[in-house]
Amino acid sequence: VANLSDAQLAERCSAVGTPWEEGMTRGEAVSALAFATWDAAPAA
């Protein structure tokens, strides 16, 4: 996501069910996206 715009990152977060909420930093949104991705993985 390094080269995604904030709007693209917000769309990606929303697609996995972790919307970029008011007051979240970009880093927090990336962390939420990563955790949602991991949490849905067979290993988790």
ModelCIF file with pLDDT and N, C-alpha, C, O atoms, coordinates in Angstrom:
data_MODEL
#
_entry.id   MODEL 
#
_entity.id                         1 
_entity.type                       polymer 
_entity.pdbx_number_of_molecules   1 
#
_entity_poly.entity_id                      1 
_entity_poly.type                           'polypeptide(L)' 
_entity_poly.nstd_linkage                   no 
_entity_poly.nstd_monomer                   no 
_entity_poly.pdbx_seq_one_letter_code       VANLSDAQLAERCSAVGTPWEEGMTRGEAVSALAFATWDAAPAA 
_entity_poly.pdbx_seq_one_letter_code_can   VANLSDAQLAERCSAVGTPWEEGMTRGEAVSALAFATWDAAPAA 
_entity_poly.pdbx_strand_id                 A 
#
loop_
_entity_poly_seq.entity_id 
_entity_poly_seq.num 
_entity_poly_seq.mon_id 
_entity_poly_seq.hetero 
1 1  VAL n 
1 2  ALA n 
1 3  ASN n 
1 4  LEU n 
1 5  SER n 
1 6  ASP n 
1 7  ALA n 
1 8  GLN n 
1 9  LEU n 
1 10 ALA n 
1 11 GLU n 
1 12 ARG n 
1 13 CYS n 
1 14 SER n 
1 15 ALA n 
1 16 VAL n 
1 17 GLY n 
1 18 THR n 
1 19 PRO n 
1 20 TRP n 
1 21 GLU n 
1 22 GLU n 
1 23 GLY n 
1 24 MET n 
1 25 THR n 
1 26 ARG n 
1 27 GLY n 
1 28 GLU n 
1 29 ALA n 
1 30 VAL n 
1 31 SER n 
1 32 ALA n 
1 33 LEU n 
1 34 ALA n 
1 35 PHE n 
1 36 ALA n 
1 37 THR n 
1 38 TRP n 
1 39 ASP n 
1 40 ALA n 
1 41 ALA n 
1 42 PRO n 
1 43 ALA n 
1 44 ALA n 
#
_struct_asym.id          A 
_struct_asym.entity_id   1 
#
loop_
_ma_qa_metric.id 
_ma_qa_metric.mode 
_ma_qa_metric.name 
_ma_qa_metric.software_group_id 
_ma_qa_metric.type 
1 global pLDDT . pLDDT 
2 local  pLDDT . pLDDT 
#
_ma_qa_metric_global.metric_id      1 
_ma_qa_metric_global.metric_value   95.34 
_ma_qa_metric_global.model_id       1 
_ma_qa_metric_global.ordinal_id     1 
#
loop_
_ma_qa_metric_local.label_asym_id 
_ma_qa_metric_local.label_comp_id 
_ma_qa_metric_local.label_seq_id 
_ma_qa_metric_local.metric_id 
_ma_qa_metric_local.metric_value 
_ma_qa_metric_local.model_id 
_ma_qa_metric_local.ordinal_id 
A VAL 1  2 97.00 1 1  
A ALA 2  2 97.00 1 2  
A ASN 3  2 97.00 1 3  
A LEU 4  2 97.00 1 4  
A SER 5  2 96.00 1 5  
A ASP 6  2 95.00 1 6  
A ALA 7  2 95.00 1 7  
A GLN 8  2 96.00 1 8  
A LEU 9  2 96.00 1 9  
A ALA 10 2 95.00 1 10 
A GLU 11 2 95.00 1 11 
A ARG 12 2 96.00 1 12 
A CYS 13 2 96.00 1 13 
A SER 14 2 95.00 1 14 
A ALA 15 2 95.00 1 15 
A VAL 16 2 94.00 1 16 
A GLY 17 2 94.00 1 17 
A THR 18 2 94.00 1 18 
A PRO 19 2 91.00 1 19 
A TRP 20 2 92.00 1 20 
A GLU 21 2 91.00 1 21 
A GLU 22 2 90.00 1 22 
A GLY 23 2 93.00 1 23 
A MET 24 2 95.00 1 24 
A THR 25 2 96.00 1 25 
A ARG 26 2 96.00 1 26 
A GLY 27 2 96.00 1 27 
A GLU 28 2 96.00 1 28 
A ALA 29 2 97.00 1 29 
A VAL 30 2 97.00 1 30 
A SER 31 2 96.00 1 31 
A ALA 32 2 96.00 1 32 
A LEU 33 2 97.00 1 33 
A ALA 34 2 97.00 1 34 
A PHE 35 2 96.00 1 35 
A ALA 36 2 96.00 1 36 
A THR 37 2 96.00 1 37 
A TRP 38 2 96.00 1 38 
A ASP 39 2 95.00 1 39 
A ALA 40 2 95.00 1 40 
A ALA 41 2 96.00 1 41 
A PRO 42 2 96.00 1 42 
A ALA 43 2 96.00 1 43 
A ALA 44 2 97.00 1 44 
#
loop_
_atom_site.group_PDB 
_atom_site.id 
_atom_site.type_symbol 
_atom_site.label_atom_id 
_atom_site.label_alt_id 
_atom_site.label_comp_id 
_atom_site.label_asym_id 
_atom_site.label_entity_id 
_atom_site.label_seq_id 
_atom_site.pdbx_PDB_ins_code 
_atom_site.Cartn_x 
_atom_site.Cartn_y 
_atom_site.Cartn_z 
_atom_site.occupancy 
_atom_site.B_iso_or_equiv 
_atom_site.pdbx_formal_charge 
_atom_site.auth_seq_id 
_atom_site.auth_comp_id 
_atom_site.auth_asym_id 
_atom_site.auth_atom_id 
_atom_site.pdbx_PDB_model_num 
ATOM 1   N N  . VAL A 1 1  ? 0.807   -1.227  0.000  1.00 97.00 ? 1  VAL A N  1 
ATOM 2   C CA . VAL A 1 1  ? 0.000   0.000   0.000  1.00 97.00 ? 1  VAL A CA 1 
ATOM 3   C C  . VAL A 1 1  ? 0.838   1.274   0.000  1.00 97.00 ? 1  VAL A C  1 
ATOM 4   O O  . VAL A 1 1  ? 0.292   2.377   0.016  1.00 97.00 ? 1  VAL A O  1 
ATOM 5   N N  . ALA A 1 2  ? 2.133   1.131   -0.017 1.00 97.00 ? 2  ALA A N  1 
ATOM 6   C CA . ALA A 1 2  ? 3.014   2.306   0.076  1.00 97.00 ? 2  ALA A CA 1 
ATOM 7   C C  . ALA A 1 2  ? 2.716   3.353   -0.985 1.00 97.00 ? 2  ALA A C  1 
ATOM 8   O O  . ALA A 1 2  ? 2.797   4.550   -0.708 1.00 97.00 ? 2  ALA A O  1 
ATOM 9   N N  . ASN A 1 3  ? 2.377   2.927   -2.182 1.00 97.00 ? 3  ASN A N  1 
ATOM 10  C CA . ASN A 1 3  ? 2.146   3.878   -3.268 1.00 97.00 ? 3  ASN A CA 1 
ATOM 11  C C  . ASN A 1 3  ? 0.675   4.189   -3.509 1.00 97.00 ? 3  ASN A C  1 
ATOM 12  O O  . ASN A 1 3  ? 0.336   4.879   -4.471 1.00 97.00 ? 3  ASN A O  1 
ATOM 13  N N  . LEU A 1 4  ? -0.194  3.687   -2.648 1.00 97.00 ? 4  LEU A N  1 
ATOM 14  C CA . LEU A 1 4  ? -1.619  3.988   -2.785 1.00 97.00 ? 4  LEU A CA 1 
ATOM 15  C C  . LEU A 1 4  ? -1.927  5.349   -2.188 1.00 97.00 ? 4  LEU A C  1 
ATOM 16  O O  . LEU A 1 4  ? -1.301  5.770   -1.215 1.00 97.00 ? 4  LEU A O  1 
ATOM 17  N N  . SER A 1 5  ? -2.885  6.024   -2.772 1.00 96.00 ? 5  SER A N  1 
ATOM 18  C CA . SER A 1 5  ? -3.366  7.276   -2.176 1.00 96.00 ? 5  SER A CA 1 
ATOM 19  C C  . SER A 1 5  ? -4.176  6.929   -0.923 1.00 96.00 ? 5  SER A C  1 
ATOM 20  O O  . SER A 1 5  ? -4.530  5.770   -0.707 1.00 96.00 ? 5  SER A O  1 
ATOM 21  N N  . ASP A 1 6  ? -4.458  7.921   -0.118 1.00 95.00 ? 6  ASP A N  1 
ATOM 22  C CA . ASP A 1 6  ? -5.283  7.684   1.068  1.00 95.00 ? 6  ASP A CA 1 
ATOM 23  C C  . ASP A 1 6  ? -6.658  7.148   0.674  1.00 95.00 ? 6  ASP A C  1 
ATOM 24  O O  . ASP A 1 6  ? -7.205  6.272   1.344  1.00 95.00 ? 6  ASP A O  1 
ATOM 25  N N  . ALA A 1 7  ? -7.213  7.679   -0.416 1.00 95.00 ? 7  ALA A N  1 
ATOM 26  C CA . ALA A 1 7  ? -8.535  7.217   -0.866 1.00 95.00 ? 7  ALA A CA 1 
ATOM 27  C C  . ALA A 1 7  ? -8.476  5.748   -1.301 1.00 95.00 ? 7  ALA A C  1 
ATOM 28  O O  . ALA A 1 7  ? -9.389  4.978   -1.001 1.00 95.00 ? 7  ALA A O  1 
ATOM 29  N N  . GLN A 1 8  ? -7.420  5.362   -1.997 1.00 96.00 ? 8  GLN A N  1 
ATOM 30  C CA . GLN A 1 8  ? -7.274  3.966   -2.416 1.00 96.00 ? 8  GLN A CA 1 
ATOM 31  C C  . GLN A 1 8  ? -7.083  3.055   -1.204 1.00 96.00 ? 8  GLN A C  1 
ATOM 32  O O  . GLN A 1 8  ? -7.633  1.956   -1.152 1.00 96.00 ? 8  GLN A O  1 
ATOM 33  N N  . LEU A 1 9  ? -6.300  3.519   -0.233 1.00 96.00 ? 9  LEU A N  1 
ATOM 34  C CA . LEU A 1 9  ? -6.103  2.736   0.985  1.00 96.00 ? 9  LEU A CA 1 
ATOM 35  C C  . LEU A 1 9  ? -7.420  2.589   1.734  1.00 96.00 ? 9  LEU A C  1 
ATOM 36  O O  . LEU A 1 9  ? -7.734  1.512   2.240  1.00 96.00 ? 9  LEU A O  1 
ATOM 37  N N  . ALA A 1 10 ? -8.194  3.677   1.804  1.00 95.00 ? 10 ALA A N  1 
ATOM 38  C CA . ALA A 1 10 ? -9.499  3.626   2.474  1.00 95.00 ? 10 ALA A CA 1 
ATOM 39  C C  . ALA A 1 10 ? -10.406 2.611   1.793  1.00 95.00 ? 10 ALA A C  1 
ATOM 40  O O  . ALA A 1 10 ? -11.120 1.873   2.472  1.00 95.00 ? 10 ALA A O  1 
ATOM 41  N N  . GLU A 1 11 ? -10.392 2.560   0.455  1.00 95.00 ? 11 GLU A N  1 
ATOM 42  C CA . GLU A 1 11 ? -11.188 1.585   -0.284 1.00 95.00 ? 11 GLU A CA 1 
ATOM 43  C C  . GLU A 1 11 ? -10.738 0.160   0.038  1.00 95.00 ? 11 GLU A C  1 
ATOM 44  O O  . GLU A 1 11 ? -11.560 -0.735  0.234  1.00 95.00 ? 11 GLU A O  1 
ATOM 45  N N  . ARG A 1 12 ? -9.454  -0.030  0.086  1.00 96.00 ? 12 ARG A N  1 
ATOM 46  C CA . ARG A 1 12 ? -8.910  -1.369  0.380  1.00 96.00 ? 12 ARG A CA 1 
ATOM 47  C C  . ARG A 1 12 ? -9.301  -1.804  1.787  1.00 96.00 ? 12 ARG A C  1 
ATOM 48  O O  . ARG A 1 12 ? -9.676  -2.956  2.004  1.00 96.00 ? 12 ARG A O  1 
ATOM 49  N N  . CYS A 1 13 ? -9.213  -0.881  2.743  1.00 96.00 ? 13 CYS A N  1 
ATOM 50  C CA . CYS A 1 13 ? -9.611  -1.197  4.119  1.00 96.00 ? 13 CYS A CA 1 
ATOM 51  C C  . CYS A 1 13 ? -11.090 -1.560  4.174  1.00 96.00 ? 13 CYS A C  1 
ATOM 52  O O  . CYS A 1 13 ? -11.475 -2.543  4.808  1.00 96.00 ? 13 CYS A O  1 
ATOM 53  N N  . SER A 1 14 ? -11.900 -0.770  3.515  1.00 95.00 ? 14 SER A N  1 
ATOM 54  C CA . SER A 1 14 ? -13.340 -1.007  3.522  1.00 95.00 ? 14 SER A CA 1 
ATOM 55  C C  . SER A 1 14 ? -13.683 -2.364  2.903  1.00 95.00 ? 14 SER A C  1 
ATOM 56  O O  . SER A 1 14 ? -14.605 -3.043  3.354  1.00 95.00 ? 14 SER A O  1 
ATOM 57  N N  . ALA A 1 15 ? -12.942 -2.748  1.876  1.00 95.00 ? 15 ALA A N  1 
ATOM 58  C CA . ALA A 1 15 ? -13.203 -4.020  1.193  1.00 95.00 ? 15 ALA A CA 1 
ATOM 59  C C  . ALA A 1 15 ? -13.006 -5.227  2.097  1.00 95.00 ? 15 ALA A C  1 
ATOM 60  O O  . ALA A 1 15 ? -13.637 -6.263  1.885  1.00 95.00 ? 15 ALA A O  1 
ATOM 61  N N  . VAL A 1 16 ? -12.136 -5.113  3.107  1.00 94.00 ? 16 VAL A N  1 
ATOM 62  C CA . VAL A 1 16 ? -11.913 -6.241  4.024  1.00 94.00 ? 16 VAL A CA 1 
ATOM 63  C C  . VAL A 1 16 ? -12.643 -6.043  5.351  1.00 94.00 ? 16 VAL A C  1 
ATOM 64  O O  . VAL A 1 16 ? -12.446 -6.805  6.298  1.00 94.00 ? 16 VAL A O  1 
ATOM 65  N N  . GLY A 1 17 ? -13.484 -5.017  5.411  1.00 94.00 ? 17 GLY A N  1 
ATOM 66  C CA . GLY A 1 17 ? -14.313 -4.817  6.605  1.00 94.00 ? 17 GLY A CA 1 
ATOM 67  C C  . GLY A 1 17 ? -13.658 -4.038  7.719  1.00 94.00 ? 17 GLY A C  1 
ATOM 68  O O  . GLY A 1 17 ? -14.093 -4.114  8.868  1.00 94.00 ? 17 GLY A O  1 
ATOM 69  N N  . THR A 1 18 ? -12.614 -3.287  7.398  1.00 94.00 ? 18 THR A N  1 
ATOM 70  C CA . THR A 1 18 ? -11.966 -2.444  8.412  1.00 94.00 ? 18 THR A CA 1 
ATOM 71  C C  . THR A 1 18 ? -11.894 -1.007  7.897  1.00 94.00 ? 18 THR A C  1 
ATOM 72  O O  . THR A 1 18 ? -10.831 -0.540  7.487  1.00 94.00 ? 18 THR A O  1 
ATOM 73  N N  . PRO A 1 19 ? -13.026 -0.314  7.920  1.00 91.00 ? 19 PRO A N  1 
ATOM 74  C CA . PRO A 1 19 ? -13.028 1.041   7.375  1.00 91.00 ? 19 PRO A CA 1 
ATOM 75  C C  . PRO A 1 19 ? -12.035 1.957   8.085  1.00 91.00 ? 19 PRO A C  1 
ATOM 76  O O  . PRO A 1 19 ? -11.784 1.822   9.283  1.00 91.00 ? 19 PRO A O  1 
ATOM 77  N N  . TRP A 1 20 ? -11.491 2.869   7.335  1.00 92.00 ? 20 TRP A N  1 
ATOM 78  C CA . TRP A 1 20 ? -10.574 3.881   7.862  1.00 92.00 ? 20 TRP A CA 1 
ATOM 79  C C  . TRP A 1 20 ? -11.436 4.886   8.603  1.00 92.00 ? 20 TRP A C  1 
ATOM 80  O O  . TRP A 1 20 ? -12.083 5.739   7.995  1.00 92.00 ? 20 TRP A O  1 
ATOM 81  N N  . GLU A 1 21 ? -11.436 4.778   9.902  1.00 91.00 ? 21 GLU A N  1 
ATOM 82  C CA . GLU A 1 21 ? -12.330 5.586   10.729 1.00 91.00 ? 21 GLU A CA 1 
ATOM 83  C C  . GLU A 1 21 ? -11.769 6.978   10.982 1.00 91.00 ? 21 GLU A C  1 
ATOM 84  O O  . GLU A 1 21 ? -10.565 7.217   10.896 1.00 91.00 ? 21 GLU A O  1 
ATOM 85  N N  . GLU A 1 22 ? -12.668 7.869   11.290 1.00 90.00 ? 22 GLU A N  1 
ATOM 86  C CA . GLU A 1 22 ? -12.314 9.253   11.628 1.00 90.00 ? 22 GLU A CA 1 
ATOM 87  C C  . GLU A 1 22 ? -11.248 9.276   12.726 1.00 90.00 ? 22 GLU A C  1 
ATOM 88  O O  . GLU A 1 22 ? -11.396 8.619   13.756 1.00 90.00 ? 22 GLU A O  1 
ATOM 89  N N  . GLY A 1 23 ? -10.202 10.018  12.503 1.00 93.00 ? 23 GLY A N  1 
ATOM 90  C CA . GLY A 1 23 ? -9.149  10.167  13.507 1.00 93.00 ? 23 GLY A CA 1 
ATOM 91  C C  . GLY A 1 23 ? -8.021  9.152   13.406 1.00 93.00 ? 23 GLY A C  1 
ATOM 92  O O  . GLY A 1 23 ? -7.007  9.296   14.089 1.00 93.00 ? 23 GLY A O  1 
ATOM 93  N N  . MET A 1 24 ? -8.174  8.128   12.568 1.00 95.00 ? 24 MET A N  1 
ATOM 94  C CA . MET A 1 24 ? -7.112  7.136   12.398 1.00 95.00 ? 24 MET A CA 1 
ATOM 95  C C  . MET A 1 24 ? -5.997  7.728   11.542 1.00 95.00 ? 24 MET A C  1 
ATOM 96  O O  . MET A 1 24 ? -6.250  8.472   10.594 1.00 95.00 ? 24 MET A O  1 
ATOM 97  N N  . THR A 1 25 ? -4.786  7.392   11.887 1.00 96.00 ? 25 THR A N  1 
ATOM 98  C CA . THR A 1 25 ? -3.657  7.780   11.047 1.00 96.00 ? 25 THR A CA 1 
ATOM 99  C C  . THR A 1 25 ? -3.545  6.774   9.906  1.00 96.00 ? 25 THR A C  1 
ATOM 100 O O  . THR A 1 25 ? -4.182  5.720   9.931  1.00 96.00 ? 25 THR A O  1 
ATOM 101 N N  . ARG A 1 26 ? -2.744  7.103   8.924  1.00 96.00 ? 26 ARG A N  1 
ATOM 102 C CA . ARG A 1 26 ? -2.504  6.174   7.821  1.00 96.00 ? 26 ARG A CA 1 
ATOM 103 C C  . ARG A 1 26 ? -1.868  4.886   8.356  1.00 96.00 ? 26 ARG A C  1 
ATOM 104 O O  . ARG A 1 26 ? -2.235  3.789   7.936  1.00 96.00 ? 26 ARG A O  1 
ATOM 105 N N  . GLY A 1 27 ? -0.925  5.022   9.270  1.00 96.00 ? 27 GLY A N  1 
ATOM 106 C CA . GLY A 1 27 ? -0.277  3.854   9.855  1.00 96.00 ? 27 GLY A CA 1 
ATOM 107 C C  . GLY A 1 27 ? -1.261  2.954   10.586 1.00 96.00 ? 27 GLY A C  1 
ATOM 108 O O  . GLY A 1 27 ? -1.161  1.730   10.507 1.00 96.00 ? 27 GLY A O  1 
ATOM 109 N N  . GLU A 1 28 ? -2.203  3.548   11.293 1.00 96.00 ? 28 GLU A N  1 
ATOM 110 C CA . GLU A 1 28 ? -3.225  2.748   11.987 1.00 96.00 ? 28 GLU A CA 1 
ATOM 111 C C  . GLU A 1 28 ? -4.134  2.036   10.992 1.00 96.00 ? 28 GLU A C  1 
ATOM 112 O O  . GLU A 1 28 ? -4.544  0.898   11.222 1.00 96.00 ? 28 GLU A O  1 
ATOM 113 N N  . ALA A 1 29 ? -4.450  2.712   9.880  1.00 97.00 ? 29 ALA A N  1 
ATOM 114 C CA . ALA A 1 29 ? -5.283  2.083   8.852  1.00 97.00 ? 29 ALA A CA 1 
ATOM 115 C C  . ALA A 1 29 ? -4.551  0.907   8.217  1.00 97.00 ? 29 ALA A C  1 
ATOM 116 O O  . ALA A 1 29 ? -5.152  -0.138  7.967  1.00 97.00 ? 29 ALA A O  1 
ATOM 117 N N  . VAL A 1 30 ? -3.260  1.073   7.955  1.00 97.00 ? 30 VAL A N  1 
ATOM 118 C CA . VAL A 1 30 ? -2.460  -0.011  7.385  1.00 97.00 ? 30 VAL A CA 1 
ATOM 119 C C  . VAL A 1 30 ? -2.402  -1.184  8.365  1.00 97.00 ? 30 VAL A C  1 
ATOM 120 O O  . VAL A 1 30 ? -2.530  -2.339  7.960  1.00 97.00 ? 30 VAL A O  1 
ATOM 121 N N  . SER A 1 31 ? -2.211  -0.893  9.640  1.00 96.00 ? 31 SER A N  1 
ATOM 122 C CA . SER A 1 31 ? -2.183  -1.959  10.651 1.00 96.00 ? 31 SER A CA 1 
ATOM 123 C C  . SER A 1 31 ? -3.510  -2.691  10.733 1.00 96.00 ? 31 SER A C  1 
ATOM 124 O O  . SER A 1 31 ? -3.538  -3.917  10.839 1.00 96.00 ? 31 SER A O  1 
ATOM 125 N N  . ALA A 1 32 ? -4.614  -1.948  10.684 1.00 96.00 ? 32 ALA A N  1 
ATOM 126 C CA . ALA A 1 32 ? -5.940  -2.570  10.720 1.00 96.00 ? 32 ALA A CA 1 
ATOM 127 C C  . ALA A 1 32 ? -6.145  -3.453  9.496  1.00 96.00 ? 32 ALA A C  1 
ATOM 128 O O  . ALA A 1 32 ? -6.694  -4.550  9.605  1.00 96.00 ? 32 ALA A O  1 
ATOM 129 N N  . LEU A 1 33 ? -5.707  -2.980  8.330  1.00 97.00 ? 33 LEU A N  1 
ATOM 130 C CA . LEU A 1 33 ? -5.805  -3.767  7.100  1.00 97.00 ? 33 LEU A CA 1 
ATOM 131 C C  . LEU A 1 33 ? -4.978  -5.043  7.209  1.00 97.00 ? 33 LEU A C  1 
ATOM 132 O O  . LEU A 1 33 ? -5.445  -6.122  6.844  1.00 97.00 ? 33 LEU A O  1 
ATOM 133 N N  . ALA A 1 34 ? -3.767  -4.922  7.702  1.00 97.00 ? 34 ALA A N  1 
ATOM 134 C CA . ALA A 1 34 ? -2.890  -6.093  7.850  1.00 97.00 ? 34 ALA A CA 1 
ATOM 135 C C  . ALA A 1 34 ? -3.490  -7.097  8.816  1.00 97.00 ? 34 ALA A C  1 
ATOM 136 O O  . ALA A 1 34 ? -3.480  -8.299  8.549  1.00 97.00 ? 34 ALA A O  1 
ATOM 137 N N  . PHE A 1 35 ? -4.012  -6.619  9.937  1.00 96.00 ? 35 PHE A N  1 
ATOM 138 C CA . PHE A 1 35 ? -4.578  -7.549  10.917 1.00 96.00 ? 35 PHE A CA 1 
ATOM 139 C C  . PHE A 1 35 ? -5.812  -8.248  10.347 1.00 96.00 ? 35 PHE A C  1 
ATOM 140 O O  . PHE A 1 35 ? -5.983  -9.450  10.546 1.00 96.00 ? 35 PHE A O  1 
ATOM 141 N N  . ALA A 1 36 ? -6.664  -7.517  9.649  1.00 96.00 ? 36 ALA A N  1 
ATOM 142 C CA . ALA A 1 36 ? -7.853  -8.138  9.056  1.00 96.00 ? 36 ALA A CA 1 
ATOM 143 C C  . ALA A 1 36 ? -7.447  -9.185  8.019  1.00 96.00 ? 36 ALA A C  1 
ATOM 144 O O  . ALA A 1 36 ? -8.065  -10.246 7.924  1.00 96.00 ? 36 ALA A O  1 
ATOM 145 N N  . THR A 1 37 ? -6.422  -8.885  7.256  1.00 96.00 ? 37 THR A N  1 
ATOM 146 C CA . THR A 1 37 ? -5.922  -9.833  6.253  1.00 96.00 ? 37 THR A CA 1 
ATOM 147 C C  . THR A 1 37 ? -5.401  -11.085 6.935  1.00 96.00 ? 37 THR A C  1 
ATOM 148 O O  . THR A 1 37 ? -5.715  -12.199 6.517  1.00 96.00 ? 37 THR A O  1 
ATOM 149 N N  . TRP A 1 38 ? -4.606  -10.909 7.984  1.00 96.00 ? 38 TRP A N  1 
ATOM 150 C CA . TRP A 1 38 ? -4.053  -12.056 8.712  1.00 96.00 ? 38 TRP A CA 1 
ATOM 151 C C  . TRP A 1 38 ? -5.150  -12.844 9.406  1.00 96.00 ? 38 TRP A C  1 
ATOM 152 O O  . TRP A 1 38 ? -5.147  -14.075 9.380  1.00 96.00 ? 38 TRP A O  1 
ATOM 153 N N  . ASP A 1 39 ? -6.077  -12.147 10.020 1.00 95.00 ? 39 ASP A N  1 
ATOM 154 C CA . ASP A 1 39 ? -7.127  -12.805 10.786 1.00 95.00 ? 39 ASP A CA 1 
ATOM 155 C C  . ASP A 1 39 ? -7.987  -13.712 9.903  1.00 95.00 ? 39 ASP A C  1 
ATOM 156 O O  . ASP A 1 39 ? -8.561  -14.686 10.389 1.00 95.00 ? 39 ASP A O  1 
ATOM 157 N N  . ALA A 1 40 ? -8.078  -13.396 8.612  1.00 95.00 ? 40 ALA A N  1 
ATOM 158 C CA . ALA A 1 40 ? -8.864  -14.206 7.683  1.00 95.00 ? 40 ALA A CA 1 
ATOM 159 C C  . ALA A 1 40 ? -8.042  -15.336 7.055  1.00 95.00 ? 40 ALA A C  1 
ATOM 160 O O  . ALA A 1 40 ? -8.578  -16.140 6.293  1.00 95.00 ? 40 ALA A O  1 
ATOM 161 N N  . ALA A 1 41 ? -6.770  -15.397 7.364  1.00 96.00 ? 41 ALA A N  1 
ATOM 162 C CA . ALA A 1 41 ? -5.889  -16.404 6.774  1.00 96.00 ? 41 ALA A CA 1 
ATOM 163 C C  . ALA A 1 41 ? -6.067  -17.755 7.470  1.00 96.00 ? 41 ALA A C  1 
ATOM 164 O O  . ALA A 1 41 ? -6.359  -17.805 8.665  1.00 96.00 ? 41 ALA A O  1 
ATOM 165 N N  . PRO A 1 42 ? -5.894  -18.841 6.730  1.00 96.00 ? 42 PRO A N  1 
ATOM 166 C CA . PRO A 1 42 ? -6.012  -20.167 7.331  1.00 96.00 ? 42 PRO A CA 1 
ATOM 167 C C  . PRO A 1 42 ? -5.095  -20.372 8.545  1.00 96.00 ? 42 PRO A C  1 
ATOM 168 O O  . PRO A 1 42 ? -5.477  -21.058 9.492  1.00 96.00 ? 42 PRO A O  1 
ATOM 169 N N  . ALA A 1 43 ? -3.912  -19.794 8.527  1.00 96.00 ? 43 ALA A N  1 
ATOM 170 C CA . ALA A 1 43 ? -2.991  -19.961 9.661  1.00 96.00 ? 43 ALA A CA 1 
ATOM 171 C C  . ALA A 1 43 ? -3.558  -19.340 10.928 1.00 96.00 ? 43 ALA A C  1 
ATOM 172 O O  . ALA A 1 43 ? -3.467  -19.938 12.000 1.00 96.00 ? 43 ALA A O  1 
ATOM 173 N N  . ALA A 1 44 ? -4.133  -18.166 10.823 1.00 97.00 ? 44 ALA A N  1 
ATOM 174 C CA . ALA A 1 44 ? -4.721  -17.519 12.001 1.00 97.00 ? 44 ALA A CA 1 
ATOM 175 C C  . ALA A 1 44 ? -5.925  -18.313 12.500 1.00 97.00 ? 44 ALA A C  1 
ATOM 176 O O  . ALA A 1 44 ? -6.554  -17.926 13.485 1.00 97.00 ? 44 ALA A O  1 
#
